[in-house]
Amino acid sequence: MLPKINRTNRKEVKQIFKSGVFVNSNSLSFRFIKQKTITAPKISFIVPKSVFKSSVKRNSLRRVGYNAIKPYIDSFPVGIVGAFIFKKPELNIIILENEIKEIIQKI
């Protein structure tokens, strides 16, 4: 799990969905905004019910996402606030890490 300073809150997620920019990959979609203040990057993972009906499976997929992003959190630009949205279930952490690397390069 990421530290609290690197996770978005509900207010920021609403702002992201209201005026954010999308970057897509195979199983993830990243929606983000860039803040003008110099803060640590804030990232969240969202797993919709269309991916898994069970909340236990959604939470485990979210945890896999946080573990995959942990080594790359410092690679994100300063002041970025974003949310990864799962399009399909992907429990392989290596595939998720590769998709996160691709998304970071597109930003």
Protein backbone atom coordinates (compact mmCIF):
# COMPACT_ATOMS: atom_id res chain seq x y z
CA MET A 1 0.00 0.00 0.00
CA LEU A 2 1.21 3.49 -0.75
CA PRO A 3 1.64 6.01 2.06
CA LYS A 4 -1.29 8.35 2.68
CA ILE A 5 0.65 11.28 1.19
CA ASN A 6 0.74 9.46 -2.18
CA ARG A 7 -2.96 8.52 -2.36
CA THR A 8 -5.80 10.67 -3.61
CA ASN A 9 -8.89 11.42 -1.55
CA ARG A 10 -12.51 11.48 -2.72
CA LYS A 11 -12.53 15.21 -3.38
CA GLU A 12 -9.51 14.92 -5.67
CA VAL A 13 -11.01 11.92 -7.49
CA LYS A 14 -14.16 13.93 -8.25
CA GLN A 15 -11.99 16.73 -9.62
CA ILE A 16 -10.02 14.22 -11.72
CA PHE A 17 -13.18 12.83 -13.32
CA LYS A 18 -14.55 16.30 -13.89
CA SER A 19 -11.57 17.80 -15.73
CA GLY A 20 -8.90 15.11 -16.14
CA VAL A 21 -7.00 13.81 -19.15
CA PHE A 22 -7.04 10.10 -20.16
CA VAL A 23 -4.13 7.83 -21.06
CA ASN A 24 -5.15 4.28 -22.02
CA SER A 25 -3.45 0.88 -22.11
CA ASN A 26 -4.73 -2.70 -22.43
CA SER A 27 -6.06 -3.33 -18.94
CA LEU A 28 -5.62 0.10 -17.30
CA SER A 29 -6.78 3.60 -17.96
CA PHE A 30 -5.08 6.53 -16.22
CA ARG A 31 -6.97 9.76 -15.68
CA PHE A 32 -5.01 12.65 -14.21
CA ILE A 33 -4.67 16.38 -13.65
CA LYS A 34 -1.54 18.41 -13.03
CA GLN A 35 -1.61 20.76 -10.07
CA LYS A 36 0.40 23.94 -10.07
CA THR A 37 1.57 23.38 -6.51
CA ILE A 38 4.71 21.36 -5.97
CA THR A 39 3.48 18.28 -4.13
CA ALA A 40 4.24 14.60 -4.17
CA PRO A 41 2.40 12.62 -6.86
CA LYS A 42 -0.95 11.25 -5.67
CA ILE A 43 -2.24 8.07 -7.28
CA SER A 44 -5.27 5.85 -6.61
CA PHE A 45 -6.61 2.62 -8.07
CA ILE A 46 -10.29 2.16 -8.92
CA VAL A 47 -11.84 -1.21 -9.74
CA PRO A 48 -15.43 -0.89 -11.03
CA LYS A 49 -18.10 -3.49 -10.36
CA SER A 50 -18.09 -4.37 -14.05
CA VAL A 51 -14.62 -5.90 -13.58
CA PHE A 52 -15.45 -7.94 -10.44
CA LYS A 53 -18.80 -8.17 -8.68
CA SER A 54 -17.24 -9.31 -5.42
CA SER A 55 -15.81 -6.55 -3.22
CA VAL A 56 -13.17 -8.96 -1.90
CA LYS A 57 -11.83 -9.51 -5.44
CA ARG A 58 -12.02 -5.78 -6.24
CA ASN A 59 -10.02 -4.94 -3.11
CA SER A 60 -7.41 -7.61 -3.83
CA LEU A 61 -7.00 -6.27 -7.38
CA ARG A 62 -6.62 -2.77 -5.98
CA ARG A 63 -3.89 -4.01 -3.61
CA VAL A 64 -2.07 -5.67 -6.51
CA GLY A 65 -2.15 -2.34 -8.32
CA TYR A 66 -0.70 -0.48 -5.34
CA ASN A 67 2.08 -3.06 -5.04
CA ALA A 68 2.85 -2.74 -8.76
CA ILE A 69 3.13 1.04 -8.62
CA LYS A 70 5.21 1.25 -5.45
CA PRO A 71 8.64 1.16 -7.18
CA TYR A 72 7.54 3.69 -9.82
CA ILE A 73 5.84 6.36 -7.69
CA ASP A 74 8.94 8.57 -7.87
CA SER A 75 8.90 8.38 -11.69
CA PHE A 76 5.67 10.38 -11.89
CA PRO A 77 5.97 14.14 -12.45
CA VAL A 78 5.70 16.38 -9.39
CA GLY A 79 2.20 17.75 -8.80
CA ILE A 80 0.32 15.03 -10.65
CA VAL A 81 -2.93 13.71 -9.16
CA GLY A 82 -4.42 10.68 -10.88
CA ALA A 83 -6.40 7.48 -10.74
CA PHE A 84 -5.78 4.17 -12.46
CA ILE A 85 -9.04 2.53 -13.53
CA PHE A 86 -9.02 -1.19 -14.28
CA LYS A 87 -10.74 -2.14 -17.54
CA LYS A 88 -10.32 -5.88 -17.07
CA PRO A 89 -8.97 -8.11 -14.30
CA GLU A 90 -5.19 -8.42 -14.40
CA LEU A 91 -3.67 -10.13 -11.39
CA ASN A 92 -0.18 -10.57 -12.87
CA ILE A 93 1.96 -7.89 -11.23
CA ILE A 94 4.63 -8.00 -13.97
CA ILE A 95 2.10 -7.13 -16.69
CA LEU A 96 0.73 -4.30 -14.54
CA GLU A 97 4.23 -2.92 -13.93
CA ASN A 98 4.90 -2.89 -17.69
CA GLU A 99 1.63 -1.05 -18.37
CA ILE A 100 2.42 1.48 -15.64
CA LYS A 101 5.84 2.10 -17.22
CA GLU A 102 4.18 2.69 -20.61
CA ILE A 103 1.69 5.14 -19.10
CA ILE A 104 4.46 7.06 -17.31
CA GLN A 105 6.28 7.43 -20.64
CA LYS A 106 3.13 8.81 -22.30
CA ILE A 107 2.70 11.49 -19.65
